[in-house]
N, C-alpha and C. Protein backbone atom coordinates (compact mmCIF):
# COMPACT_ATOMS: atom_id res chain seq x y z
N MET A 1 64.68 -43.73 165.24
CA MET A 1 65.22 -45.01 165.70
C MET A 1 64.42 -46.16 165.07
N ALA A 2 65.14 -47.15 164.56
CA ALA A 2 64.48 -48.27 163.90
C ALA A 2 63.70 -49.11 164.91
N GLU A 3 62.57 -49.64 164.47
CA GLU A 3 61.75 -50.47 165.33
C GLU A 3 62.48 -51.77 165.65
N GLN A 4 62.43 -52.18 166.91
CA GLN A 4 63.06 -53.44 167.32
C GLN A 4 62.28 -54.60 166.74
N ILE A 5 63.01 -55.55 166.14
CA ILE A 5 62.39 -56.76 165.62
C ILE A 5 62.88 -57.93 166.46
N GLY A 6 61.98 -58.55 167.17
CA GLY A 6 62.33 -59.69 168.01
C GLY A 6 62.86 -59.27 169.37
N TRP A 7 63.17 -60.27 170.19
CA TRP A 7 63.66 -60.05 171.54
C TRP A 7 65.17 -60.01 171.60
N THR A 8 65.72 -59.20 172.49
CA THR A 8 67.16 -59.22 172.76
C THR A 8 67.48 -60.44 173.61
N ARG A 9 68.76 -60.69 173.83
CA ARG A 9 69.16 -61.82 174.67
C ARG A 9 68.59 -61.68 176.08
N ASP A 10 68.62 -60.48 176.63
CA ASP A 10 68.08 -60.27 177.97
C ASP A 10 66.57 -60.48 177.99
N GLN A 11 65.89 -60.06 176.95
CA GLN A 11 64.45 -60.25 176.90
C GLN A 11 64.08 -61.72 176.74
N MET A 12 64.90 -62.45 175.99
CA MET A 12 64.69 -63.90 175.87
C MET A 12 64.83 -64.57 177.23
N ALA A 13 65.87 -64.17 177.97
CA ALA A 13 66.10 -64.73 179.31
C ALA A 13 64.95 -64.37 180.24
N ALA A 14 64.46 -63.14 180.14
CA ALA A 14 63.34 -62.71 180.98
C ALA A 14 62.08 -63.52 180.66
N ARG A 15 61.86 -63.80 179.37
CA ARG A 15 60.69 -64.61 178.99
C ARG A 15 60.81 -66.02 179.57
N ALA A 16 62.00 -66.59 179.51
CA ALA A 16 62.21 -67.92 180.09
C ALA A 16 62.03 -67.87 181.61
N ALA A 17 62.50 -66.80 182.24
CA ALA A 17 62.37 -66.66 183.69
C ALA A 17 60.91 -66.61 184.11
N GLY A 18 60.05 -66.16 183.21
CA GLY A 18 58.63 -66.12 183.51
C GLY A 18 58.01 -67.49 183.68
N GLU A 19 58.75 -68.54 183.27
CA GLU A 19 58.26 -69.91 183.42
C GLU A 19 58.64 -70.51 184.78
N LEU A 20 59.45 -69.80 185.57
CA LEU A 20 59.87 -70.32 186.86
C LEU A 20 58.68 -70.39 187.82
N ARG A 21 58.67 -71.43 188.65
CA ARG A 21 57.62 -71.60 189.64
C ARG A 21 58.23 -71.48 191.03
N ASP A 22 57.46 -70.92 191.93
CA ASP A 22 57.94 -70.74 193.29
C ASP A 22 58.38 -72.08 193.88
N GLY A 23 59.59 -72.10 194.44
CA GLY A 23 60.12 -73.31 195.05
C GLY A 23 60.93 -74.18 194.12
N ASP A 24 61.03 -73.83 192.83
CA ASP A 24 61.79 -74.62 191.86
C ASP A 24 63.27 -74.67 192.20
N TYR A 25 63.87 -75.83 191.92
CA TYR A 25 65.33 -75.97 191.86
C TYR A 25 65.69 -75.96 190.38
N VAL A 26 66.56 -75.04 189.98
CA VAL A 26 66.76 -74.74 188.56
C VAL A 26 68.24 -74.80 188.18
N ASN A 27 68.52 -75.43 187.04
CA ASN A 27 69.87 -75.44 186.48
C ASN A 27 69.88 -74.60 185.21
N LEU A 28 70.85 -73.69 185.11
CA LEU A 28 70.96 -72.80 183.94
C LEU A 28 72.17 -73.19 183.10
N GLY A 29 71.93 -73.38 181.81
CA GLY A 29 73.01 -73.74 180.90
C GLY A 29 73.88 -72.56 180.54
N ILE A 30 74.90 -72.83 179.73
CA ILE A 30 75.87 -71.82 179.31
C ILE A 30 75.26 -70.92 178.23
N GLY A 31 75.66 -69.65 178.22
CA GLY A 31 75.18 -68.71 177.21
C GLY A 31 73.99 -67.90 177.70
N ILE A 32 73.02 -67.70 176.82
CA ILE A 32 71.84 -66.91 177.16
C ILE A 32 71.15 -67.41 178.43
N PRO A 33 71.04 -68.73 178.65
CA PRO A 33 70.36 -69.20 179.86
C PRO A 33 70.92 -68.65 181.17
N THR A 34 72.22 -68.35 181.22
CA THR A 34 72.78 -67.82 182.47
C THR A 34 72.15 -66.48 182.84
N LEU A 35 71.64 -65.74 181.84
CA LEU A 35 71.03 -64.43 182.09
C LEU A 35 69.71 -64.55 182.84
N VAL A 36 69.13 -65.75 182.87
CA VAL A 36 67.87 -65.95 183.59
C VAL A 36 68.03 -65.58 185.06
N ALA A 37 69.23 -65.77 185.60
CA ALA A 37 69.49 -65.46 187.02
C ALA A 37 69.22 -64.00 187.35
N ASN A 38 69.31 -63.13 186.36
CA ASN A 38 69.09 -61.69 186.58
C ASN A 38 67.64 -61.27 186.37
N HIS A 39 66.76 -62.23 186.03
CA HIS A 39 65.38 -61.87 185.69
C HIS A 39 64.35 -62.70 186.45
N ILE A 40 64.72 -63.22 187.60
CA ILE A 40 63.77 -64.01 188.39
C ILE A 40 62.63 -63.09 188.86
N PRO A 41 61.39 -63.44 188.56
CA PRO A 41 60.26 -62.55 188.89
C PRO A 41 60.15 -62.28 190.39
N GLU A 42 59.71 -61.08 190.70
CA GLU A 42 59.53 -60.70 192.09
C GLU A 42 58.48 -61.60 192.74
N GLY A 43 58.78 -62.05 193.95
CA GLY A 43 57.86 -62.92 194.67
C GLY A 43 58.05 -64.39 194.38
N ILE A 44 58.95 -64.72 193.43
CA ILE A 44 59.24 -66.11 193.11
C ILE A 44 60.57 -66.50 193.76
N ASN A 45 60.56 -67.54 194.56
CA ASN A 45 61.76 -68.00 195.25
C ASN A 45 62.24 -69.29 194.59
N VAL A 46 63.37 -69.23 193.90
CA VAL A 46 63.95 -70.41 193.28
C VAL A 46 65.38 -70.59 193.76
N THR A 47 65.88 -71.82 193.64
CA THR A 47 67.25 -72.13 194.02
C THR A 47 68.00 -72.58 192.77
N LEU A 48 69.07 -71.88 192.43
CA LEU A 48 69.85 -72.19 191.24
C LEU A 48 70.95 -73.18 191.58
N GLN A 49 71.11 -74.20 190.72
CA GLN A 49 72.10 -75.24 190.93
C GLN A 49 73.08 -75.28 189.77
N SER A 50 74.34 -75.56 190.05
CA SER A 50 75.37 -75.65 189.01
C SER A 50 76.04 -77.01 189.08
N GLU A 51 76.33 -77.59 187.88
CA GLU A 51 76.93 -78.93 187.82
C GLU A 51 78.28 -79.02 188.52
N ASN A 52 78.99 -77.90 188.62
CA ASN A 52 80.32 -77.96 189.22
C ASN A 52 80.28 -77.92 190.75
N GLY A 53 79.08 -77.99 191.34
CA GLY A 53 79.00 -78.21 192.78
C GLY A 53 78.57 -77.02 193.61
N MET A 54 77.49 -76.36 193.21
CA MET A 54 76.99 -75.22 193.99
C MET A 54 75.48 -75.20 193.95
N LEU A 55 74.87 -74.98 195.09
CA LEU A 55 73.42 -74.87 195.20
C LEU A 55 73.12 -73.53 195.88
N GLY A 56 72.36 -72.69 195.19
CA GLY A 56 72.08 -71.36 195.70
C GLY A 56 73.00 -70.33 195.08
N ILE A 57 72.74 -69.95 193.83
CA ILE A 57 73.59 -69.03 193.08
C ILE A 57 72.93 -67.66 193.03
N GLY A 58 73.69 -66.64 193.34
CA GLY A 58 73.20 -65.27 193.26
C GLY A 58 73.38 -64.69 191.87
N PRO A 59 73.05 -63.43 191.67
CA PRO A 59 73.22 -62.77 190.36
C PRO A 59 74.69 -62.57 190.03
N PHE A 60 74.95 -62.18 188.79
CA PHE A 60 76.33 -61.90 188.39
C PHE A 60 76.88 -60.74 189.22
N PRO A 61 78.17 -60.77 189.56
CA PRO A 61 78.75 -59.69 190.37
C PRO A 61 78.92 -58.41 189.58
N TYR A 62 78.91 -57.28 190.30
CA TYR A 62 79.21 -56.01 189.65
C TYR A 62 80.71 -55.94 189.37
N GLU A 63 81.08 -55.08 188.45
CA GLU A 63 82.49 -54.93 188.09
C GLU A 63 83.32 -54.58 189.33
N GLY A 64 84.40 -55.30 189.52
CA GLY A 64 85.29 -55.07 190.65
C GLY A 64 84.93 -55.86 191.89
N GLU A 65 83.79 -56.57 191.85
CA GLU A 65 83.35 -57.34 193.02
C GLU A 65 83.41 -58.84 192.79
N ALA A 66 83.97 -59.27 191.66
CA ALA A 66 84.01 -60.70 191.34
C ALA A 66 85.01 -61.45 192.21
N ASP A 67 84.64 -62.64 192.63
CA ASP A 67 85.52 -63.55 193.34
C ASP A 67 85.92 -64.65 192.36
N PRO A 68 87.21 -64.73 191.97
CA PRO A 68 87.62 -65.70 190.96
C PRO A 68 87.41 -67.15 191.38
N ASP A 69 87.20 -67.39 192.66
CA ASP A 69 86.96 -68.75 193.13
C ASP A 69 85.49 -69.16 193.01
N LEU A 70 84.63 -68.19 192.71
CA LEU A 70 83.20 -68.49 192.57
C LEU A 70 82.81 -68.45 191.10
N ILE A 71 82.64 -69.62 190.50
CA ILE A 71 82.28 -69.70 189.08
C ILE A 71 81.16 -70.72 188.89
N ASN A 72 80.42 -70.56 187.79
CA ASN A 72 79.42 -71.56 187.44
C ASN A 72 80.03 -72.57 186.47
N ALA A 73 79.20 -73.47 185.95
CA ALA A 73 79.71 -74.52 185.06
C ALA A 73 80.27 -73.96 183.76
N GLY A 74 79.85 -72.74 183.41
CA GLY A 74 80.37 -72.09 182.21
C GLY A 74 81.59 -71.23 182.47
N LYS A 75 82.15 -71.34 183.70
CA LYS A 75 83.34 -70.61 184.12
C LYS A 75 83.12 -69.10 184.19
N GLN A 76 81.87 -68.68 184.37
CA GLN A 76 81.56 -67.28 184.59
C GLN A 76 81.57 -67.00 186.09
N THR A 77 82.07 -65.83 186.48
CA THR A 77 82.06 -65.49 187.89
C THR A 77 80.63 -65.20 188.35
N ILE A 78 80.31 -65.70 189.54
CA ILE A 78 78.96 -65.56 190.08
C ILE A 78 79.06 -65.09 191.53
N THR A 79 77.93 -64.95 192.19
CA THR A 79 77.92 -64.58 193.60
C THR A 79 77.26 -65.68 194.42
N ALA A 80 77.62 -65.73 195.68
CA ALA A 80 77.01 -66.68 196.61
C ALA A 80 75.95 -65.96 197.44
N LEU A 81 75.05 -66.73 198.00
CA LEU A 81 74.01 -66.23 198.88
C LEU A 81 74.27 -66.75 200.30
N PRO A 82 73.66 -66.16 201.30
CA PRO A 82 73.84 -66.68 202.67
C PRO A 82 73.44 -68.14 202.80
N SER A 83 72.55 -68.60 201.92
CA SER A 83 72.07 -69.98 201.98
C SER A 83 72.82 -70.93 201.04
N SER A 84 73.84 -70.43 200.32
CA SER A 84 74.55 -71.26 199.34
C SER A 84 75.30 -72.41 200.00
N SER A 85 75.41 -73.51 199.25
CA SER A 85 76.20 -74.64 199.72
C SER A 85 77.09 -75.13 198.59
N PHE A 86 78.20 -75.76 198.95
CA PHE A 86 79.20 -76.22 197.99
C PHE A 86 79.47 -77.70 198.21
N PHE A 87 79.68 -78.43 197.14
CA PHE A 87 79.87 -79.88 197.24
C PHE A 87 80.58 -80.36 195.98
N SER A 88 80.82 -81.65 195.90
CA SER A 88 81.55 -82.21 194.76
C SER A 88 80.66 -82.27 193.52
N SER A 89 81.32 -82.36 192.37
CA SER A 89 80.60 -82.50 191.11
C SER A 89 79.80 -83.80 191.11
N ALA A 90 80.33 -84.84 191.76
CA ALA A 90 79.61 -86.12 191.83
C ALA A 90 78.27 -85.96 192.56
N ASP A 91 78.29 -85.19 193.66
CA ASP A 91 77.04 -84.95 194.38
C ASP A 91 76.08 -84.11 193.53
N SER A 92 76.64 -83.17 192.79
CA SER A 92 75.81 -82.33 191.93
C SER A 92 75.08 -83.17 190.89
N PHE A 93 75.80 -84.09 190.26
CA PHE A 93 75.17 -84.94 189.25
C PHE A 93 74.23 -85.96 189.87
N ALA A 94 74.46 -86.33 191.12
CA ALA A 94 73.52 -87.21 191.81
C ALA A 94 72.18 -86.51 192.00
N MET A 95 72.21 -85.19 192.27
CA MET A 95 70.97 -84.42 192.36
C MET A 95 70.22 -84.45 191.04
N ILE A 96 70.96 -84.24 189.95
CA ILE A 96 70.36 -84.19 188.62
C ILE A 96 69.81 -85.55 188.22
N ARG A 97 70.64 -86.59 188.34
CA ARG A 97 70.22 -87.93 187.92
C ARG A 97 69.14 -88.51 188.83
N GLY A 98 69.07 -88.00 190.05
CA GLY A 98 68.05 -88.48 190.97
C GLY A 98 66.72 -87.79 190.81
N GLY A 99 66.61 -86.86 189.87
CA GLY A 99 65.34 -86.19 189.61
C GLY A 99 65.00 -85.09 190.59
N HIS A 100 66.03 -84.51 191.24
CA HIS A 100 65.77 -83.48 192.26
C HIS A 100 65.79 -82.06 191.72
N ILE A 101 66.10 -81.90 190.43
CA ILE A 101 66.09 -80.57 189.80
C ILE A 101 64.80 -80.44 188.99
N ASP A 102 64.07 -79.38 189.23
CA ASP A 102 62.75 -79.22 188.61
C ASP A 102 62.81 -78.74 187.16
N LEU A 103 63.76 -77.88 186.87
CA LEU A 103 63.77 -77.21 185.57
C LEU A 103 65.20 -76.92 185.13
N THR A 104 65.47 -77.11 183.85
CA THR A 104 66.73 -76.66 183.28
C THR A 104 66.45 -75.77 182.08
N VAL A 105 67.27 -74.73 181.92
CA VAL A 105 67.19 -73.84 180.77
C VAL A 105 68.49 -74.00 180.00
N LEU A 106 68.41 -74.44 178.75
CA LEU A 106 69.58 -74.78 177.95
C LEU A 106 69.57 -74.04 176.61
N GLY A 107 70.75 -73.91 176.04
CA GLY A 107 70.86 -73.47 174.66
C GLY A 107 70.82 -74.69 173.75
N ALA A 108 70.72 -74.47 172.45
CA ALA A 108 70.68 -75.60 171.51
C ALA A 108 71.14 -75.16 170.14
N MET A 109 71.63 -76.13 169.38
CA MET A 109 71.95 -75.91 167.97
C MET A 109 70.78 -76.30 167.09
N GLU A 110 70.01 -77.30 167.54
CA GLU A 110 68.81 -77.74 166.82
C GLU A 110 67.80 -78.29 167.82
N VAL A 111 66.52 -78.09 167.52
CA VAL A 111 65.43 -78.71 168.28
C VAL A 111 64.41 -79.21 167.26
N SER A 112 63.85 -80.40 167.53
CA SER A 112 62.86 -80.95 166.60
C SER A 112 61.45 -80.70 167.10
N ALA A 113 60.48 -80.96 166.24
CA ALA A 113 59.08 -80.73 166.57
C ALA A 113 58.56 -81.63 167.68
N ASN A 114 59.25 -82.77 167.91
CA ASN A 114 58.80 -83.67 168.98
C ASN A 114 59.65 -83.54 170.25
N GLY A 115 60.43 -82.46 170.33
CA GLY A 115 61.17 -82.20 171.56
C GLY A 115 62.57 -82.78 171.62
N ASP A 116 63.09 -83.31 170.52
CA ASP A 116 64.50 -83.73 170.50
C ASP A 116 65.39 -82.49 170.55
N ILE A 117 66.56 -82.63 171.18
CA ILE A 117 67.50 -81.52 171.26
C ILE A 117 68.90 -81.99 170.88
N ALA A 118 69.60 -81.17 170.10
CA ALA A 118 71.00 -81.39 169.75
C ALA A 118 71.76 -80.14 170.17
N ASN A 119 72.66 -80.28 171.15
CA ASN A 119 73.36 -79.07 171.61
C ASN A 119 74.78 -79.33 172.09
N TRP A 120 75.35 -80.50 171.76
CA TRP A 120 76.67 -80.76 172.35
C TRP A 120 77.80 -80.89 171.35
N THR A 121 77.53 -81.21 170.08
CA THR A 121 78.65 -81.35 169.14
C THR A 121 78.19 -81.18 167.70
N ILE A 122 79.14 -80.75 166.87
CA ILE A 122 78.97 -80.72 165.41
C ILE A 122 80.01 -81.65 164.84
N PRO A 123 79.63 -82.69 164.09
CA PRO A 123 80.60 -83.65 163.55
C PRO A 123 81.72 -82.95 162.80
N GLY A 124 82.95 -83.38 163.09
CA GLY A 124 84.13 -82.81 162.43
C GLY A 124 84.76 -81.65 163.16
N LYS A 125 84.07 -81.13 164.17
CA LYS A 125 84.62 -80.02 164.95
C LYS A 125 85.12 -80.52 166.30
N ILE A 126 86.17 -79.87 166.81
CA ILE A 126 86.74 -80.26 168.09
C ILE A 126 85.76 -79.90 169.20
N VAL A 127 85.54 -80.83 170.12
CA VAL A 127 84.66 -80.59 171.26
C VAL A 127 85.37 -81.05 172.52
N LYS A 128 85.30 -80.24 173.57
CA LYS A 128 86.00 -80.56 174.81
C LYS A 128 85.30 -81.66 175.60
N GLY A 129 84.02 -81.85 175.35
CA GLY A 129 83.25 -82.84 176.08
C GLY A 129 81.78 -82.50 176.00
N MET A 130 80.96 -83.43 176.42
CA MET A 130 79.52 -83.23 176.30
C MET A 130 78.93 -82.45 177.46
N GLY A 131 79.73 -82.18 178.49
CA GLY A 131 79.22 -81.43 179.62
C GLY A 131 78.12 -82.20 180.34
N GLY A 132 77.21 -81.47 180.98
CA GLY A 132 76.16 -82.13 181.75
C GLY A 132 74.82 -82.16 181.07
N ALA A 133 74.75 -81.73 179.81
CA ALA A 133 73.45 -81.58 179.14
C ALA A 133 72.69 -82.89 179.03
N MET A 134 73.39 -83.99 178.74
CA MET A 134 72.69 -85.27 178.58
C MET A 134 72.04 -85.71 179.89
N ASP A 135 72.76 -85.52 180.99
CA ASP A 135 72.20 -85.85 182.30
C ASP A 135 71.02 -84.94 182.62
N LEU A 136 71.16 -83.67 182.30
CA LEU A 136 70.11 -82.71 182.63
C LEU A 136 68.80 -83.02 181.91
N VAL A 137 68.87 -83.23 180.61
CA VAL A 137 67.62 -83.44 179.87
C VAL A 137 66.98 -84.78 180.22
N ALA A 138 67.79 -85.73 180.72
CA ALA A 138 67.24 -87.03 181.10
C ALA A 138 66.68 -87.03 182.52
N GLY A 139 67.26 -86.19 183.41
CA GLY A 139 66.90 -86.28 184.82
C GLY A 139 66.04 -85.16 185.35
N VAL A 140 65.87 -84.08 184.57
CA VAL A 140 65.14 -82.91 185.04
C VAL A 140 63.68 -82.99 184.60
N GLN A 141 62.79 -82.45 185.40
CA GLN A 141 61.36 -82.58 185.14
C GLN A 141 60.87 -81.75 183.96
N ARG A 142 61.40 -80.52 183.78
CA ARG A 142 61.00 -79.65 182.67
C ARG A 142 62.24 -79.08 182.00
N VAL A 143 62.20 -78.99 180.66
CA VAL A 143 63.33 -78.49 179.88
C VAL A 143 62.88 -77.35 179.00
N ILE A 144 63.54 -76.19 179.15
CA ILE A 144 63.28 -75.03 178.30
C ILE A 144 64.53 -74.73 177.49
N VAL A 145 64.38 -74.58 176.19
CA VAL A 145 65.48 -74.21 175.31
C VAL A 145 65.38 -72.72 174.99
N VAL A 146 66.48 -72.00 175.14
CA VAL A 146 66.55 -70.59 174.76
C VAL A 146 67.66 -70.45 173.72
N MET A 147 67.31 -69.98 172.52
CA MET A 147 68.30 -69.93 171.43
C MET A 147 67.85 -68.96 170.36
N GLU A 148 68.76 -68.62 169.47
CA GLU A 148 68.41 -67.84 168.29
C GLU A 148 67.56 -68.71 167.37
N HIS A 149 66.63 -68.10 166.66
CA HIS A 149 65.68 -68.86 165.83
C HIS A 149 66.37 -69.50 164.63
N VAL A 150 67.35 -68.83 164.07
CA VAL A 150 68.09 -69.38 162.93
C VAL A 150 69.59 -69.37 163.23
N SER A 151 70.34 -70.14 162.46
CA SER A 151 71.79 -70.21 162.64
C SER A 151 72.46 -68.96 162.07
N LYS A 152 73.77 -68.86 162.26
CA LYS A 152 74.53 -67.73 161.71
C LYS A 152 74.44 -67.70 160.19
N GLN A 153 74.17 -68.86 159.60
CA GLN A 153 74.03 -68.95 158.14
C GLN A 153 72.60 -68.68 157.68
N GLY A 154 71.70 -68.41 158.64
CA GLY A 154 70.31 -68.12 158.31
C GLY A 154 69.44 -69.35 158.14
N GLU A 155 69.96 -70.52 158.53
CA GLU A 155 69.20 -71.76 158.40
C GLU A 155 68.34 -71.99 159.64
N PRO A 156 67.14 -72.57 159.46
CA PRO A 156 66.27 -72.84 160.62
C PRO A 156 66.94 -73.79 161.62
N LYS A 157 66.74 -73.52 162.90
CA LYS A 157 67.26 -74.39 163.95
C LYS A 157 66.14 -75.23 164.57
N ILE A 158 64.90 -74.95 164.18
CA ILE A 158 63.76 -75.74 164.61
C ILE A 158 63.30 -76.56 163.41
N LEU A 159 63.40 -77.88 163.54
CA LEU A 159 63.27 -78.77 162.39
C LEU A 159 62.29 -79.90 162.64
N GLU A 160 61.92 -80.60 161.57
CA GLU A 160 61.12 -81.81 161.72
C GLU A 160 61.91 -82.88 162.47
N ARG A 161 63.18 -83.05 162.10
CA ARG A 161 64.09 -83.96 162.77
C ARG A 161 65.47 -83.31 162.88
N CYS A 162 66.13 -83.48 163.99
CA CYS A 162 67.48 -82.93 164.16
C CYS A 162 68.45 -83.64 163.23
N THR A 163 69.40 -82.90 162.66
CA THR A 163 70.42 -83.49 161.80
C THR A 163 71.72 -83.73 162.55
N LEU A 164 71.90 -83.09 163.70
CA LEU A 164 73.10 -83.23 164.51
C LEU A 164 72.90 -84.32 165.57
N PRO A 165 74.01 -84.85 166.13
CA PRO A 165 73.89 -85.88 167.17
C PRO A 165 73.03 -85.39 168.34
N LEU A 166 72.09 -86.23 168.76
CA LEU A 166 71.15 -85.82 169.80
C LEU A 166 71.78 -85.76 171.18
N THR A 167 71.31 -84.81 171.96
CA THR A 167 71.61 -84.74 173.39
C THR A 167 70.54 -85.53 174.14
N GLY A 168 69.30 -85.43 173.69
CA GLY A 168 68.19 -86.15 174.29
C GLY A 168 67.02 -86.21 173.33
N ALA A 169 66.19 -87.24 173.47
CA ALA A 169 65.03 -87.43 172.60
C ALA A 169 63.74 -87.16 173.37
N ARG A 170 62.84 -86.38 172.78
CA ARG A 170 61.52 -86.07 173.35
C ARG A 170 61.64 -85.54 174.79
N VAL A 171 62.43 -84.50 174.94
CA VAL A 171 62.68 -83.96 176.29
C VAL A 171 62.32 -82.48 176.43
N VAL A 172 62.24 -81.73 175.34
CA VAL A 172 62.04 -80.27 175.41
C VAL A 172 60.56 -79.95 175.58
N ASP A 173 60.26 -79.10 176.55
CA ASP A 173 58.88 -78.67 176.80
C ASP A 173 58.56 -77.34 176.13
N LEU A 174 59.53 -76.42 176.10
CA LEU A 174 59.29 -75.06 175.61
C LEU A 174 60.53 -74.56 174.88
N ILE A 175 60.31 -73.84 173.78
CA ILE A 175 61.40 -73.21 173.03
C ILE A 175 61.17 -71.70 173.03
N VAL A 176 62.16 -70.96 173.51
CA VAL A 176 62.11 -69.49 173.48
C VAL A 176 63.21 -69.03 172.54
N THR A 177 62.84 -68.35 171.46
CA THR A 177 63.83 -67.82 170.53
C THR A 177 63.74 -66.29 170.54
N ASP A 178 64.58 -65.67 169.71
CA ASP A 178 64.52 -64.22 169.60
C ASP A 178 63.27 -63.75 168.87
N LEU A 179 62.55 -64.69 168.23
CA LEU A 179 61.37 -64.33 167.45
C LEU A 179 60.06 -64.77 168.07
N CYS A 180 60.06 -65.89 168.80
CA CYS A 180 58.79 -66.42 169.28
C CYS A 180 58.98 -67.43 170.40
N VAL A 181 57.84 -67.96 170.87
CA VAL A 181 57.83 -69.04 171.87
C VAL A 181 56.97 -70.18 171.33
N PHE A 182 57.54 -71.40 171.38
CA PHE A 182 56.81 -72.60 170.98
C PHE A 182 56.68 -73.55 172.16
N ALA A 183 55.55 -74.22 172.27
CA ALA A 183 55.39 -75.36 173.17
C ALA A 183 55.59 -76.62 172.35
N CYS A 184 56.32 -77.60 172.91
CA CYS A 184 56.57 -78.87 172.23
C CYS A 184 55.65 -79.95 172.81
N ASP A 185 55.03 -80.73 171.95
CA ASP A 185 54.28 -81.90 172.38
C ASP A 185 55.23 -83.09 172.31
N LYS A 186 55.76 -83.50 173.45
CA LYS A 186 56.77 -84.56 173.48
C LYS A 186 56.17 -85.94 173.22
N THR A 187 54.87 -86.06 173.36
CA THR A 187 54.23 -87.37 173.17
C THR A 187 53.77 -87.57 171.74
N ALA A 188 52.92 -86.67 171.27
CA ALA A 188 52.37 -86.80 169.92
C ALA A 188 53.23 -86.12 168.86
N GLY A 189 54.13 -85.22 169.31
CA GLY A 189 54.91 -84.44 168.36
C GLY A 189 54.15 -83.21 167.92
N GLY A 190 54.87 -82.18 167.52
CA GLY A 190 54.22 -80.97 167.04
C GLY A 190 54.48 -79.77 167.92
N LEU A 191 54.42 -78.59 167.31
CA LEU A 191 54.70 -77.33 167.99
C LEU A 191 53.47 -76.44 167.98
N THR A 192 53.27 -75.71 169.07
CA THR A 192 52.20 -74.72 169.15
C THR A 192 52.79 -73.36 169.46
N LEU A 193 52.46 -72.38 168.65
CA LEU A 193 52.98 -71.03 168.84
C LEU A 193 52.26 -70.36 170.01
N LEU A 194 53.06 -69.92 171.01
CA LEU A 194 52.49 -69.30 172.20
C LEU A 194 52.68 -67.79 172.26
N GLY A 195 53.67 -67.27 171.52
CA GLY A 195 53.92 -65.83 171.58
C GLY A 195 54.84 -65.38 170.48
N LEU A 196 54.73 -64.11 170.11
CA LEU A 196 55.58 -63.49 169.09
C LEU A 196 56.39 -62.36 169.71
N GLY A 197 57.64 -62.22 169.29
CA GLY A 197 58.46 -61.11 169.73
C GLY A 197 57.99 -59.81 169.12
N PRO A 198 58.46 -58.67 169.63
CA PRO A 198 58.03 -57.36 169.11
C PRO A 198 58.39 -57.19 167.64
N GLY A 199 57.42 -56.74 166.88
CA GLY A 199 57.64 -56.48 165.46
C GLY A 199 57.72 -57.72 164.59
N VAL A 200 57.47 -58.90 165.16
CA VAL A 200 57.57 -60.16 164.41
C VAL A 200 56.19 -60.56 163.92
N ALA A 201 56.09 -60.90 162.65
CA ALA A 201 54.83 -61.34 162.06
C ALA A 201 54.80 -62.86 161.95
N LEU A 202 53.60 -63.41 161.90
CA LEU A 202 53.46 -64.86 161.75
C LEU A 202 54.17 -65.35 160.49
N THR A 203 54.14 -64.57 159.43
CA THR A 203 54.81 -64.97 158.19
C THR A 203 56.32 -65.11 158.39
N ASP A 204 56.90 -64.30 159.29
CA ASP A 204 58.32 -64.41 159.58
C ASP A 204 58.64 -65.77 160.21
N ILE A 205 57.78 -66.20 161.14
CA ILE A 205 57.98 -67.48 161.82
C ILE A 205 57.84 -68.63 160.83
N VAL A 206 56.85 -68.57 159.97
CA VAL A 206 56.65 -69.61 158.97
C VAL A 206 57.88 -69.74 158.07
N ALA A 207 58.42 -68.59 157.65
CA ALA A 207 59.56 -68.60 156.74
C ALA A 207 60.84 -69.11 157.39
N LYS A 208 60.97 -68.91 158.71
CA LYS A 208 62.24 -69.22 159.38
C LYS A 208 62.18 -70.47 160.26
N THR A 209 61.08 -71.21 160.18
CA THR A 209 60.94 -72.44 160.95
C THR A 209 60.90 -73.61 159.98
N GLY A 210 61.70 -74.64 160.25
CA GLY A 210 61.85 -75.75 159.31
C GLY A 210 60.83 -76.84 159.44
N VAL A 211 59.68 -76.55 160.04
CA VAL A 211 58.63 -77.55 160.22
C VAL A 211 57.30 -76.82 160.39
N PRO A 212 56.20 -77.37 159.90
CA PRO A 212 54.89 -76.75 160.13
C PRO A 212 54.55 -76.75 161.62
N PHE A 213 53.70 -75.82 162.04
CA PHE A 213 53.33 -75.72 163.45
C PHE A 213 51.91 -75.21 163.57
N ASP A 214 51.35 -75.37 164.76
CA ASP A 214 50.02 -74.86 165.06
C ASP A 214 50.16 -73.40 165.46
N ALA A 215 49.61 -72.50 164.67
CA ALA A 215 49.73 -71.07 164.94
C ALA A 215 48.76 -70.60 166.02
N GLY A 216 47.82 -71.45 166.42
CA GLY A 216 46.90 -71.10 167.49
C GLY A 216 46.16 -69.79 167.20
N ARG A 217 46.05 -68.95 168.21
CA ARG A 217 45.30 -67.69 168.07
C ARG A 217 45.97 -66.72 167.11
N PHE A 218 47.26 -66.93 166.82
CA PHE A 218 47.97 -66.02 165.92
C PHE A 218 47.55 -66.22 164.46
N ALA A 219 46.93 -67.35 164.18
CA ALA A 219 46.44 -67.60 162.83
C ALA A 219 45.32 -66.63 162.47
N GLN A 220 44.67 -66.08 163.50
CA GLN A 220 43.59 -65.12 163.28
C GLN A 220 44.08 -63.68 163.33
N GLY A 221 45.41 -63.50 163.43
CA GLY A 221 45.97 -62.16 163.42
C GLY A 221 45.94 -61.49 164.77
N SER A 222 45.78 -62.26 165.85
CA SER A 222 45.74 -61.65 167.17
C SER A 222 47.10 -61.11 167.55
N ALA A 223 47.12 -60.11 168.42
CA ALA A 223 48.38 -59.54 168.89
C ALA A 223 49.05 -60.50 169.85
N ALA A 224 50.39 -60.41 169.97
CA ALA A 224 51.13 -61.27 170.89
C ALA A 224 50.83 -60.89 172.32
């Protein structure tokens, strides 16, 4: 069997879930971030919030147990908890804009070294709307991006400056990709490498990242 190179989508979500703090109110974006709900660490109590008006989201339902009336903002079927509550989308966004959500986990098309994020549109392509990402990155206390390290074309998605329209400027705290984990310095700018995926070498990160970064302890060849 070939050696695994990098993290799977579930492993990326689990790594992001490791950043959750007990008592956090958390919003999960569409795509890989939704998988974080299945990897909440034991002993950590968090409350998941959805822009479409739900507070207290359970794990994804098993096959045959889905309730079509229970969906998240990405229109995926979810489960409710005994403590769940339901309300209007306006109330949901009031929570976000009022700074009551501690952490959001989002996907992205590009992230810059100073924490800029572009994740809502590609010029020339049809887009249904910007969703809640702009409100989330502006109103939430911590922002984690979970995404593939390079695009489908093999181009770096972590850059000196984003080339796509921004969702938010200087807002990203942590980037989790299939290859590594970076911390973003939103004030001074710059990335620090915090971890490497299985089978990933520092040279791989250098080759596939569009901006220089601080390799930290990995510059000395330390294990992840």
